[in-house]
Amino acid sequence: MATNYETNTRKSGGASIWKILLIVVAVLIALSIVGPLLKAVFWLGLIGLAVVGAATLYFNSKK
């Protein structure tokens, strides 16, 4: 009696490895886009605070 093997034997975790890899790549791409944007927003906010502080000191000293 011969043992029957399925011709379509795929591991159940085979597709999930590609899904995990896709998620990791998507997260890395998102971080590479969001990271510099957050850095730019931080520096713009810091420069804006410096301008507001300088203007406040300048106009309060005139009074």
C-alpha atoms as a PDB file:
ATOM      1  CA  MET A   1       0.000   0.000   0.000  1.00  0.00           C
ATOM      2  CA  ALA A   2       1.514   3.322  -1.088  1.00  0.00           C
ATOM      3  CA  THR A   3       1.208   6.448   0.996  1.00  0.00           C
ATOM      4  CA  ASN A   4      -0.534   9.291  -0.770  1.00  0.00           C
ATOM      5  CA  TYR A   5       1.114  12.697  -0.549  1.00  0.00           C
ATOM      6  CA  GLU A   6      -0.623  15.842  -1.591  1.00  0.00           C
ATOM      7  CA  THR A   7       1.011  17.429  -4.573  1.00  0.00           C
ATOM      8  CA  ASN A   8       0.226  20.878  -3.270  1.00  0.00           C
ATOM      9  CA  THR A   9       2.086  20.798   0.052  1.00  0.00           C
ATOM     10  CA  ARG A  10       2.740  24.325   1.239  1.00  0.00           C
ATOM     11  CA  LYS A  11       3.633  25.355   4.728  1.00  0.00           C
ATOM     12  CA  SER A  12       0.879  27.273   6.404  1.00  0.00           C
ATOM     13  CA  GLY A  13       3.369  29.889   7.605  1.00  0.00           C
ATOM     14  CA  GLY A  14       4.848  30.496   4.162  1.00  0.00           C
ATOM     15  CA  ALA A  15       2.537  33.331   3.217  1.00  0.00           C
ATOM     16  CA  SER A  16       2.678  34.914   6.657  1.00  0.00           C
ATOM     17  CA  ILE A  17       6.441  35.437   6.360  1.00  0.00           C
ATOM     18  CA  TRP A  18       5.844  37.611   3.306  1.00  0.00           C
ATOM     19  CA  LYS A  19       3.093  39.509   5.116  1.00  0.00           C
ATOM     20  CA  ILE A  20       5.385  40.166   8.086  1.00  0.00           C
ATOM     21  CA  LEU A  21       8.180  41.264   5.759  1.00  0.00           C
ATOM     22  CA  LEU A  22       5.785  43.585   3.931  1.00  0.00           C
ATOM     23  CA  ILE A  23       4.628  45.104   7.225  1.00  0.00           C
ATOM     24  CA  VAL A  24       8.220  45.654   8.387  1.00  0.00           C
ATOM     25  CA  VAL A  25       9.174  47.299   5.089  1.00  0.00           C
ATOM     26  CA  ALA A  26       6.053  49.495   5.177  1.00  0.00           C
ATOM     27  CA  VAL A  27       6.829  50.612   8.747  1.00  0.00           C
ATOM     28  CA  LEU A  28      10.433  51.428   7.828  1.00  0.00           C
ATOM     29  CA  ILE A  29       9.319  53.453   4.810  1.00  0.00           C
ATOM     30  CA  ALA A  30       6.736  55.300   6.921  1.00  0.00           C
ATOM     31  CA  LEU A  31       9.344  56.096   9.576  1.00  0.00           C
ATOM     32  CA  SER A  32      11.798  57.312   6.966  1.00  0.00           C
ATOM     33  CA  ILE A  33       9.146  59.753   5.729  1.00  0.00           C
ATOM     34  CA  VAL A  34       7.690  60.803   9.094  1.00  0.00           C
ATOM     35  CA  GLY A  35      11.055  61.165  10.876  1.00  0.00           C
ATOM     36  CA  PRO A  36      12.403  64.073   8.821  1.00  0.00           C
ATOM     37  CA  LEU A  37       8.978  65.725   8.823  1.00  0.00           C
ATOM     38  CA  LEU A  38       8.881  65.665  12.623  1.00  0.00           C
ATOM     39  CA  LYS A  39      12.416  67.024  12.745  1.00  0.00           C
ATOM     40  CA  ALA A  40      11.456  69.867  10.399  1.00  0.00           C
ATOM     41  CA  VAL A  41       8.337  70.681  12.418  1.00  0.00           C
ATOM     42  CA  PHE A  42      10.427  70.723  15.610  1.00  0.00           C
ATOM     43  CA  TRP A  43      12.949  73.181  14.153  1.00  0.00           C
ATOM     44  CA  LEU A  44      10.227  75.398  12.669  1.00  0.00           C
ATOM     45  CA  GLY A  45       8.504  75.489  16.042  1.00  0.00           C
ATOM     46  CA  LEU A  46      11.760  76.325  17.805  1.00  0.00           C
ATOM     47  CA  ILE A  47      12.518  79.147  15.369  1.00  0.00           C
ATOM     48  CA  GLY A  48       8.951  80.394  15.697  1.00  0.00           C
ATOM     49  CA  LEU A  49       9.235  80.469  19.486  1.00  0.00           C
ATOM     50  CA  ALA A  50      12.522  82.371  19.226  1.00  0.00           C
ATOM     51  CA  VAL A  51      10.938  84.961  16.906  1.00  0.00           C
ATOM     52  CA  VAL A  52       7.912  85.389  19.180  1.00  0.00           C
ATOM     53  CA  GLY A  53      10.162  85.682  22.237  1.00  0.00           C
ATOM     54  CA  ALA A  54      12.406  88.243  20.544  1.00  0.00           C
ATOM     55  CA  ALA A  55       9.409  90.280  19.384  1.00  0.00           C
ATOM     56  CA  THR A  56       7.896  90.177  22.868  1.00  0.00           C
ATOM     57  CA  LEU A  57      11.133  91.390  24.453  1.00  0.00           C
ATOM     58  CA  TYR A  58      11.571  94.097  21.821  1.00  0.00           C
ATOM     59  CA  PHE A  59       8.041  95.503  22.056  1.00  0.00           C
ATOM     60  CA  ASN A  60       7.903  95.305  25.871  1.00  0.00           C
ATOM     61  CA  SER A  61      11.179  97.193  26.205  1.00  0.00           C
ATOM     62  CA  LYS A  62       9.800 100.084  24.108  1.00  0.00           C
ATOM     63  CA  LYS A  63       6.925 100.725  26.520  1.00  0.00           C
END
